PDB file of N, CA and C in Angstrom:
ATOM      1  N   MET A   1       0.760  -1.149   0.217  1.00  0.00           N
ATOM      2  CA  MET A   1      -0.180   0.050   0.028  1.00  0.00           C
ATOM      3  C   MET A   1       0.930   1.262  -0.030  1.00  0.00           C
ATOM      4  N   LEU A   2       0.525   2.250  -0.896  1.00  0.00           N
ATOM      5  CA  LEU A   2       1.455   3.367  -0.966  1.00  0.00           C
ATOM      6  C   LEU A   2       1.256   4.435  -0.041  1.00  0.00           C
ATOM      7  N   ALA A   3       2.014   5.230   0.647  1.00  0.00           N
ATOM      8  CA  ALA A   3       1.679   6.250   1.184  1.00  0.00           C
ATOM      9  C   ALA A   3       1.094   7.491   0.416  1.00  0.00           C
ATOM     10  N   ASP A   4       0.350   8.349   1.078  1.00  0.00           N
ATOM     11  CA  ASP A   4      -0.399   9.465   0.170  1.00  0.00           C
ATOM     12  C   ASP A   4       0.639  10.117  -0.539  1.00  0.00           C
ATOM     13  N   ILE A   5       1.764  10.614   0.046  1.00  0.00           N
ATOM     14  CA  ILE A   5       2.636  11.332  -1.039  1.00  0.00           C
ATOM     15  C   ILE A   5       3.036  10.439  -2.151  1.00  0.00           C
ATOM     16  N   GLU A   6       3.358   9.214  -1.995  1.00  0.00           N
ATOM     17  CA  GLU A   6       3.800   8.335  -2.992  1.00  0.00           C
ATOM     18  C   GLU A   6       2.636   8.296  -4.052  1.00  0.00           C
ATOM     19  N   ARG A   7       1.483   7.915  -3.658  1.00  0.00           N
ATOM     20  CA  ARG A   7       0.154   7.800  -4.418  1.00  0.00           C
ATOM     21  C   ARG A   7       0.164   9.132  -5.422  1.00  0.00           C
ATOM     22  N   LYS A   8       0.123  10.372  -4.609  1.00  0.00           N
ATOM     23  CA  LYS A   8      -0.009  11.516  -5.363  1.00  0.00           C
ATOM     24  C   LYS A   8       1.075  11.845  -6.442  1.00  0.00           C
ATOM     25  N   ILE A   9       2.413  11.465  -6.166  1.00  0.00           N
ATOM     26  CA  ILE A   9       3.439  11.649  -7.131  1.00  0.00           C
ATOM     27  C   ILE A   9       3.199  10.705  -8.051  1.00  0.00           C
ATOM     28  N   LEU A  10       2.980   9.535  -8.163  1.00  0.00           N
ATOM     29  CA  LEU A  10       2.711   8.679  -8.938  1.00  0.00           C
ATOM     30  C   LEU A  10       1.734   9.106 -10.037  1.00  0.00           C
ATOM     31  N   ARG A  11       0.508   9.474  -9.428  1.00  0.00           N
ATOM     32  CA  ARG A  11      -0.602  10.148 -10.227  1.00  0.00           C
ATOM     33  C   ARG A  11      -0.014  11.250 -11.118  1.00  0.00           C
ATOM     34  N   ILE A  12       0.681  12.285 -10.466  1.00  0.00           N
ATOM     35  CA  ILE A  12       1.122  13.307 -11.055  1.00  0.00           C
ATOM     36  C   ILE A  12       2.186  13.016 -12.333  1.00  0.00           C
ATOM     37  N   LEU A  13       2.971  11.856 -11.944  1.00  0.00           N
ATOM     38  CA  LEU A  13       3.980  11.489 -12.868  1.00  0.00           C
ATOM     39  C   LEU A  13       3.016  10.967 -14.258  1.00  0.00           C
ATOM     40  N   TYR A  14       2.232  10.015 -13.936  1.00  0.00           N
ATOM     41  CA  TYR A  14       1.285   9.515 -14.804  1.00  0.00           C
ATOM     42  C   TYR A  14       0.556  10.560 -15.724  1.00  0.00           C
ATOM     43  N   ASN A  15      -0.182  11.289 -15.046  1.00  0.00           N
ATOM     44  CA  ASN A  15      -0.924  12.459 -15.797  1.00  0.00           C
ATOM     45  C   ASN A  15      -0.020  13.219 -16.579  1.00  0.00           C
ATOM     46  N   PHE A  16       1.300  13.535 -16.379  1.00  0.00           N
ATOM     47  CA  PHE A  16       2.197  14.445 -16.990  1.00  0.00           C
ATOM     48  C   PHE A  16       2.455  13.642 -18.328  1.00  0.00           C
ATOM     49  N   SER A  17       2.952  12.654 -17.921  1.00  0.00           N
ATOM     50  CA  SER A  17       3.347  11.643 -19.251  1.00  0.00           C
ATOM     51  C   SER A  17       2.219  11.358 -20.407  1.00  0.00           C
ATOM     52  N   ALA A  18       1.067  11.287 -19.669  1.00  0.00           N
ATOM     53  CA  ALA A  18       0.027  11.266 -20.791  1.00  0.00           C
ATOM     54  C   ALA A  18      -0.712  12.233 -21.203  1.00  0.00           C
ATOM     55  N   GLY A  19      -0.666  13.415 -20.579  1.00  0.00           N
ATOM     56  CA  GLY A  19      -1.125  14.565 -20.901  1.00  0.00           C
ATOM     57  C   GLY A  19      -0.169  15.536 -21.602  1.00  0.00           C
ATOM     58  N   ARG A  20       0.916  15.438 -21.133  1.00  0.00           N
ATOM     59  CA  ARG A  20       2.219  16.461 -21.748  1.00  0.00           C
ATOM     60  C   ARG A  20       3.190  15.831 -22.452  1.00  0.00           C
ATOM     61  N   ARG A  21       3.177  14.688 -22.457  1.00  0.00           N
ATOM     62  CA  ARG A  21       4.176  13.704 -23.296  1.00  0.00           C
ATOM     63  C   ARG A  21       5.534  13.956 -22.738  1.00  0.00           C
ATOM     64  N   ARG A  22       5.630  14.258 -21.393  1.00  0.00           N
ATOM     65  CA  ARG A  22       6.937  14.520 -20.720  1.00  0.00           C
ATOM     66  C   ARG A  22       6.692  14.190 -19.087  1.00  0.00           C
ATOM     67  N   MET A  23       7.771  14.246 -18.426  1.00  0.00           N
ATOM     68  CA  MET A  23       7.854  13.927 -17.105  1.00  0.00           C
ATOM     69  C   MET A  23       7.977  15.381 -16.468  1.00  0.00           C
ATOM     70  N   PRO A  24       7.302  15.735 -15.312  1.00  0.00           N
ATOM     71  CA  PRO A  24       7.547  16.998 -14.653  1.00  0.00           C
ATOM     72  C   PRO A  24       9.069  17.074 -14.189  1.00  0.00           C
ATOM     73  N   SER A  25       9.365  18.269 -13.979  1.00  0.00           N
ATOM     74  CA  SER A  25      10.658  18.688 -13.241  1.00  0.00           C
ATOM     75  C   SER A  25      10.458  18.587 -11.678  1.00  0.00           C
ATOM     76  N   MET A  26      11.558  18.686 -10.885  1.00  0.00           N
ATOM     77  CA  MET A  26      11.445  18.462  -9.404  1.00  0.00           C
ATOM     78  C   MET A  26      10.810  19.864  -9.153  1.00  0.00           C
ATOM     79  N   GLU A  27      10.962  20.686  -9.665  1.00  0.00           N
ATOM     80  CA  GLU A  27      10.243  22.134  -9.264  1.00  0.00           C
ATOM     81  C   GLU A  27       8.644  21.940  -9.608  1.00  0.00           C
ATOM     82  N   GLU A  28       8.487  21.543 -10.541  1.00  0.00           N
ATOM     83  CA  GLU A  28       6.846  21.184 -10.891  1.00  0.00           C
ATOM     84  C   GLU A  28       6.438  20.452  -9.849  1.00  0.00           C
ATOM     85  N   LEU A  29       7.063  19.120  -9.486  1.00  0.00           N
ATOM     86  CA  LEU A  29       6.527  18.323  -8.283  1.00  0.00           C
ATOM     87  C   LEU A  29       6.546  18.999  -7.127  1.00  0.00           C
ATOM     88  N   MET A  30       7.511  19.873  -6.854  1.00  0.00           N
ATOM     89  CA  MET A  30       7.500  20.634  -5.485  1.00  0.00           C
ATOM     90  C   MET A  30       6.214  21.394  -5.505  1.00  0.00           C
ATOM     91  N   ILE A  31       5.905  22.069  -6.553  1.00  0.00           N
ATOM     92  CA  ILE A  31       4.588  22.994  -6.520  1.00  0.00           C
ATOM     93  C   ILE A  31       3.347  22.127  -6.301  1.00  0.00           C
ATOM     94  N   LYS A  32       3.317  21.111  -7.220  1.00  0.00           N
ATOM     95  CA  LYS A  32       2.076  20.431  -7.070  1.00  0.00           C
ATOM     96  C   LYS A  32       1.809  19.580  -5.940  1.00  0.00           C
ATOM     97  N   THR A  33       2.742  19.249  -5.248  1.00  0.00           N
ATOM     98  CA  THR A  33       2.623  18.503  -4.163  1.00  0.00           C
ATOM     99  C   THR A  33       2.745  19.157  -2.674  1.00  0.00           C
ATOM    100  N   GLY A  34       3.456  20.312  -2.816  1.00  0.00           N
ATOM    101  CA  GLY A  34       3.713  21.140  -1.404  1.00  0.00           C
ATOM    102  C   GLY A  34       4.822  20.553  -0.742  1.00  0.00           C
ATOM    103  N   LYS A  35       5.598  19.725  -1.102  1.00  0.00           N
ATOM    104  CA  LYS A  35       6.706  18.962  -0.303  1.00  0.00           C
ATOM    105  C   LYS A  35       7.837  19.376  -0.645  1.00  0.00           C
ATOM    106  N   THR A  36       8.855  19.371   0.202  1.00  0.00           N
ATOM    107  CA  THR A  36      10.298  19.703  -0.063  1.00  0.00           C
ATOM    108  C   THR A  36      11.028  18.423  -1.265  1.00  0.00           C
ATOM    109  N   LYS A  37      12.106  19.048  -1.807  1.00  0.00           N
ATOM    110  CA  LYS A  37      12.741  18.183  -2.690  1.00  0.00           C
ATOM    111  C   LYS A  37      13.206  16.851  -2.070  1.00  0.00           C
ATOM    112  N   LYS A  38      13.554  16.999  -0.626  1.00  0.00           N
ATOM    113  CA  LYS A  38      13.845  15.759  -0.001  1.00  0.00           C
ATOM    114  C   LYS A  38      12.869  14.683   0.292  1.00  0.00           C
ATOM    115  N   ASP A  39      11.619  15.216   0.490  1.00  0.00           N
ATOM    116  CA  ASP A  39      10.543  14.496   0.615  1.00  0.00           C
ATOM    117  C   ASP A  39      10.236  13.805  -0.749  1.00  0.00           C
ATOM    118  N   ILE A  40      10.188  14.501  -1.858  1.00  0.00           N
ATOM    119  CA  ILE A  40       9.853  14.006  -2.962  1.00  0.00           C
ATOM    120  C   ILE A  40      10.910  13.103  -3.452  1.00  0.00           C
ATOM    121  N   THR A  41      11.997  13.250  -3.209  1.00  0.00           N
ATOM    122  CA  THR A  41      13.178  12.099  -3.691  1.00  0.00           C
ATOM    123  C   THR A  41      12.875  10.921  -2.901  1.00  0.00           C
ATOM    124  N   ARG A  42      12.585  10.921  -1.542  1.00  0.00           N
ATOM    125  CA  ARG A  42      12.556   9.673  -0.550  1.00  0.00           C
ATOM    126  C   ARG A  42      11.081   9.145  -1.101  1.00  0.00           C
ATOM    127  N   ALA A  43      10.206   9.603  -1.789  1.00  0.00           N
ATOM    128  CA  ALA A  43       8.906   8.858  -2.054  1.00  0.00           C
ATOM    129  C   ALA A  43       9.227   8.490  -3.440  1.00  0.00           C
ATOM    130  N   LEU A  44      10.211   9.215  -4.440  1.00  0.00           N
ATOM    131  CA  LEU A  44      10.427   8.342  -5.677  1.00  0.00           C
ATOM    132  C   LEU A  44      11.338   7.241  -5.414  1.00  0.00           C
ATOM    133  N   ILE A  45      12.114   7.384  -4.521  1.00  0.00           N
ATOM    134  CA  ILE A  45      12.935   6.090  -4.063  1.00  0.00           C
ATOM    135  C   ILE A  45      12.138   4.936  -3.878  1.00  0.00           C
ATOM    136  N   ASN A  46      11.250   5.204  -2.875  1.00  0.00           N
ATOM    137  CA  ASN A  46      10.120   4.278  -2.353  1.00  0.00           C
ATOM    138  C   ASN A  46       9.423   3.652  -3.499  1.00  0.00           C
ATOM    139  N   LEU A  47       8.924   4.682  -4.374  1.00  0.00           N
ATOM    140  CA  LEU A  47       8.115   4.115  -5.739  1.00  0.00           C
ATOM    141  C   LEU A  47       9.001   3.187  -6.539  1.00  0.00           C
ATOM    142  N   GLU A  48      10.340   3.337  -6.580  1.00  0.00           N
ATOM    143  CA  GLU A  48      11.137   2.706  -7.403  1.00  0.00           C
ATOM    144  C   GLU A  48      11.566   1.339  -6.603  1.00  0.00           C
ATOM    145  N   ASP A  49      11.681   1.315  -5.359  1.00  0.00           N
ATOM    146  CA  ASP A  49      11.824   0.055  -4.557  1.00  0.00           C
ATOM    147  C   ASP A  49      10.627  -0.850  -4.725  1.00  0.00           C
ATOM    148  N   GLN A  50       9.310  -0.248  -4.925  1.00  0.00           N
ATOM    149  CA  GLN A  50       8.063  -0.981  -5.004  1.00  0.00           C
ATOM    150  C   GLN A  50       7.828  -1.468  -6.287  1.00  0.00           C
ATOM    151  N   LEU A  51       8.668  -1.128  -7.296  1.00  0.00           N
ATOM    152  CA  LEU A  51       8.513  -1.396  -8.867  1.00  0.00           C
ATOM    153  C   LEU A  51       7.308  -0.725  -9.419  1.00  0.00           C
ATOM    154  N   TYR A  52       7.234   0.536  -9.127  1.00  0.00           N
ATOM    155  CA  TYR A  52       6.112   1.370  -9.946  1.00  0.00           C
ATOM    156  C   TYR A  52       6.963   2.068 -10.889  1.00  0.00           C
ATOM    157  N   ILE A  53       8.008   2.662 -10.566  1.00  0.00           N
ATOM    158  CA  ILE A  53       8.954   3.411 -11.637  1.00  0.00           C
ATOM    159  C   ILE A  53      10.197   2.603 -11.698  1.00  0.00           C
ATOM    160  N   ILE A  54      10.848   3.279 -12.554  1.00  0.00           N
ATOM    161  CA  ILE A  54      12.507   2.951 -12.848  1.00  0.00           C
ATOM    162  C   ILE A  54      13.089   4.599 -12.958  1.00  0.00           C
ATOM    163  N   TRP A  55      14.139   4.689 -12.296  1.00  0.00           N
ATOM    164  CA  TRP A  55      14.718   6.007 -11.940  1.00  0.00           C
ATOM    165  C   TRP A  55      16.072   5.844 -11.885  1.00  0.00           C
ATOM    166  N   LYS A  56      16.648   5.911 -13.379  1.00  0.00           N
ATOM    167  CA  LYS A  56      18.142   5.387 -13.747  1.00  0.00           C
ATOM    168  C   LYS A  56      19.093   6.584 -13.420  1.00  0.00           C
ATOM    169  N   ASN A  57      18.666   7.773 -13.595  1.00  0.00           N
ATOM    170  CA  ASN A  57      19.747   9.040 -13.416  1.00  0.00           C
ATOM    171  C   ASN A  57      18.996   9.824 -12.145  1.00  0.00           C
ATOM    172  N   LYS A  58      19.364   9.543 -11.019  1.00  0.00           N
ATOM    173  CA  LYS A  58      18.858  10.141  -9.903  1.00  0.00           C
ATOM    174  C   LYS A  58      18.836  11.657  -9.782  1.00  0.00           C
ATOM    175  N   ARG A  59      19.618  12.364 -10.791  1.00  0.00           N
ATOM    176  CA  ARG A  59      19.818  13.765 -10.654  1.00  0.00           C
ATOM    177  C   ARG A  59      18.678  14.450 -11.573  1.00  0.00           C
ATOM    178  N   LEU A  60      18.000  13.616 -12.378  1.00  0.00           N
ATOM    179  CA  LEU A  60      16.939  14.299 -13.364  1.00  0.00           C
ATOM    180  C   LEU A  60      15.614  13.488 -13.067  1.00  0.00           C
ATOM    181  N   VAL A  61      14.689  14.175 -12.592  1.00  0.00           N
ATOM    182  CA  VAL A  61      13.481  13.605 -12.492  1.00  0.00           C
ATOM    183  C   VAL A  61      12.824  13.097 -13.705  1.00  0.00           C
ATOM    184  N   GLU A  62      13.189  13.884 -14.871  1.00  0.00           N
ATOM    185  CA  GLU A  62      12.566  13.653 -16.401  1.00  0.00           C
ATOM    186  C   GLU A  62      13.133  12.166 -16.780  1.00  0.00           C
ATOM    187  N   SER A  63      13.996  11.706 -16.215  1.00  0.00           N
ATOM    188  CA  SER A  63      14.705  10.325 -16.637  1.00  0.00           C
ATOM    189  C   SER A  63      13.579   9.098 -16.093  1.00  0.00           C
ATOM    190  N   ILE A  64      12.681   9.622 -15.326  1.00  0.00           N
ATOM    191  CA  ILE A  64      11.859   8.427 -14.751  1.00  0.00           C
ATOM    192  C   ILE A  64      10.925   7.735 -15.797  1.00  0.00           C
ATOM    193  N   ARG A  65      10.943   6.306 -15.712  1.00  0.00           N
ATOM    194  CA  ARG A  65       9.795   5.611 -16.607  1.00  0.00           C
ATOM    195  C   ARG A  65       8.835   4.898 -15.634  1.00  0.00           C
ATOM    196  N   ILE A  66       7.798   5.100 -16.042  1.00  0.00           N
ATOM    197  CA  ILE A  66       6.548   4.529 -15.162  1.00  0.00           C
ATOM    198  C   ILE A  66       6.569   2.888 -15.717  1.00  0.00           C
ATOM    199  N   LEU A  67       6.212   2.172 -14.625  1.00  0.00           N
ATOM    200  CA  LEU A  67       6.039   0.495 -14.733  1.00  0.00           C
ATOM    201  C   LEU A  67       4.713   0.488 -14.565  1.00  0.00           C
ATOM    202  N   GLN A  68       4.125   1.070 -13.536  1.00  0.00           N
ATOM    203  CA  GLN A  68       2.725   0.910 -13.114  1.00  0.00           C
ATOM    204  C   GLN A  68       2.188   2.274 -12.868  1.00  0.00           C
ATOM    205  N   GLY A  69       0.947   2.716 -13.456  1.00  0.00           N
ATOM    206  CA  GLY A  69       0.534   4.222 -13.291  1.00  0.00           C
ATOM    207  C   GLY A  69      -0.389   4.482 -12.103  1.00  0.00           C
ATOM    208  N   TRP A  70      -0.796   3.109 -11.464  1.00  0.00           N
ATOM    209  CA  TRP A  70      -1.605   3.450 -10.301  1.00  0.00           C
ATOM    210  C   TRP A  70      -1.536   2.096  -9.344  1.00  0.00           C
ATOM    211  N   GLU A  71      -1.813   2.378  -8.076  1.00  0.00           N
ATOM    212  CA  GLU A  71      -1.766   1.269  -6.881  1.00  0.00           C
ATOM    213  C   GLU A  71      -2.373   0.174  -7.375  1.00  0.00           C
ATOM    214  N   GLN A  72      -1.616  -0.946  -7.084  1.00  0.00           N
ATOM    215  CA  GLN A  72      -2.400  -2.340  -7.133  1.00  0.00           C
ATOM    216  C   GLN A  72      -3.208  -2.515  -5.868  1.00  0.00           C
ATOM    217  N   ARG A  73      -4.655  -3.091  -6.514  1.00  0.00           N
ATOM    218  CA  ARG A  73      -5.284  -3.153  -5.205  1.00  0.00           C
ATOM    219  C   ARG A  73      -5.046  -4.622  -4.829  1.00  0.00           C
ATOM    220  N   GLU A  74      -5.221  -4.682  -3.436  1.00  0.00           N
ATOM    221  CA  GLU A  74      -4.913  -5.874  -2.553  1.00  0.00           C
ATOM    222  C   GLU A  74      -6.289  -6.594  -2.530  1.00  0.00           C
ATOM    223  N   LYS A  75      -6.213  -7.797  -2.814  1.00  0.00           N
ATOM    224  CA  LYS A  75      -7.261  -8.722  -2.713  1.00  0.00           C
ATOM    225  C   LYS A  75      -7.546  -9.234  -1.291  1.00  0.00           C
ATOM    226  N   SER A  76      -8.544  -9.177  -0.797  1.00  0.00           N
ATOM    227  CA  SER A  76      -8.844  -9.709   0.464  1.00  0.00           C
ATOM    228  C   SER A  76      -9.371 -11.088   0.387  1.00  0.00           C
ATOM    229  N   ALA A  77      -9.090 -11.757   1.646  1.00  0.00           N
ATOM    230  CA  ALA A  77      -9.201 -13.249   1.593  1.00  0.00           C
ATOM    231  C   ALA A  77     -10.864 -13.602   1.398  1.00  0.00           C
ATOM    232  N   ARG A  78     -11.726 -12.661   2.022  1.00  0.00           N
ATOM    233  CA  ARG A  78     -13.305 -12.930   1.866  1.00  0.00           C
ATOM    234  C   ARG A  78     -13.643 -12.821   0.420  1.00  0.00           C
ATOM    235  N   SER A  79     -12.907 -11.826  -0.418  1.00  0.00           N
ATOM    236  CA  SER A  79     -13.331 -11.596  -1.865  1.00  0.00           C
ATOM    237  C   SER A  79     -13.430 -12.773  -2.649  1.00  0.00           C
ATOM    238  N   THR A  80     -14.397 -13.239  -3.414  1.00  0.00           N
ATOM    239  CA  THR A  80     -14.591 -14.175  -4.248  1.00  0.00           C
ATOM    240  C   THR A  80     -14.764 -13.938  -5.479  1.00  0.00           C
ATOM    241  N   GLY A  81     -14.652 -12.611  -5.694  1.00  0.00           N
ATOM    242  CA  GLY A  81     -14.964 -11.920  -7.106  1.00  0.00           C
ATOM    243  C   GLY A  81     -16.208 -11.656  -7.397  1.00  0.00           C
ATOM    244  N   GLY A  82     -17.257 -12.247  -6.738  1.00  0.00           N
ATOM    245  CA  GLY A  82     -18.662 -11.750  -7.283  1.00  0.00           C
ATOM    246  C   GLY A  82     -19.316 -10.855  -6.096  1.00  0.00           C
ATOM    247  N   ASN A  83     -20.618 -10.817  -6.175  1.00  0.00           N
ATOM    248  CA  ASN A  83     -21.169  -9.945  -5.178  1.00  0.00           C
ATOM    249  C   ASN A  83     -22.238 -10.844  -4.332  1.00  0.00           C
ATOM    250  N   THR A  84     -22.001 -11.873  -4.206  1.00  0.00           N
ATOM    251  CA  THR A  84     -22.846 -12.805  -3.652  1.00  0.00           C
ATOM    252  C   THR A  84     -23.009 -12.366  -1.995  1.00  0.00           C
ATOM    253  N   ASP A  85     -21.906 -11.991  -1.408  1.00  0.00           N
ATOM    254  CA  ASP A  85     -21.712 -11.492  -0.117  1.00  0.00           C
ATOM    255  C   ASP A  85     -23.039 -10.480   0.267  1.00  0.00           C
ATOM    256  N   TYR A  86     -22.997  -9.558  -0.673  1.00  0.00           N
ATOM    257  CA  TYR A  86     -24.211  -8.400  -0.205  1.00  0.00           C
ATOM    258  C   TYR A  86     -25.477  -9.032  -0.119  1.00  0.00           C
ATOM    259  N   TRP A  87     -25.764  -9.915  -1.028  1.00  0.00           N
ATOM    260  CA  TRP A  87     -27.337 -10.627  -0.950  1.00  0.00           C
ATOM    261  C   TRP A  87     -27.236 -11.438  -0.034  1.00  0.00           C
ATOM    262  N   THR A  88     -26.545 -12.381   0.253  1.00  0.00           N
ATOM    263  CA  THR A  88     -26.612 -13.454   1.358  1.00  0.00           C
ATOM    264  C   THR A  88     -26.190 -13.006   2.995  1.00  0.00           C
ATOM    265  N   GLN A  89     -25.666 -11.800   3.023  1.00  0.00           N
ATOM    266  CA  GLN A  89     -25.185 -11.578   4.385  1.00  0.00           C
ATOM    267  C   GLN A  89     -25.932 -10.191   4.870  1.00  0.00           C
ATOM    268  N   TYR A  90     -26.528  -9.578   4.245  1.00  0.00           N
ATOM    269  CA  TYR A  90     -27.193  -8.231   4.546  1.00  0.00           C
ATOM    270  C   TYR A  90     -28.702  -8.207   4.259  1.00  0.00           C
TER     271      TYR A  90
END
């Protein structure tokens, strides 16, 4: 499960790449998130560790490549894929 800042940065990266055909700069990330460069860098490293992005050149945010544009949903043990729980338990 992603932290709020990580989820927000991932969505910003995805939206920039899809809408503007480029990655945002560090300054743009700082403006959009309201976080410091240190906080953003830490979140980007966490996203890379969790395999959401690849960040080869750590000096340039523009070098980031997105592997997954959104957070993976965790499947609960109760979920069977249908909606029978609603009709049988409520």
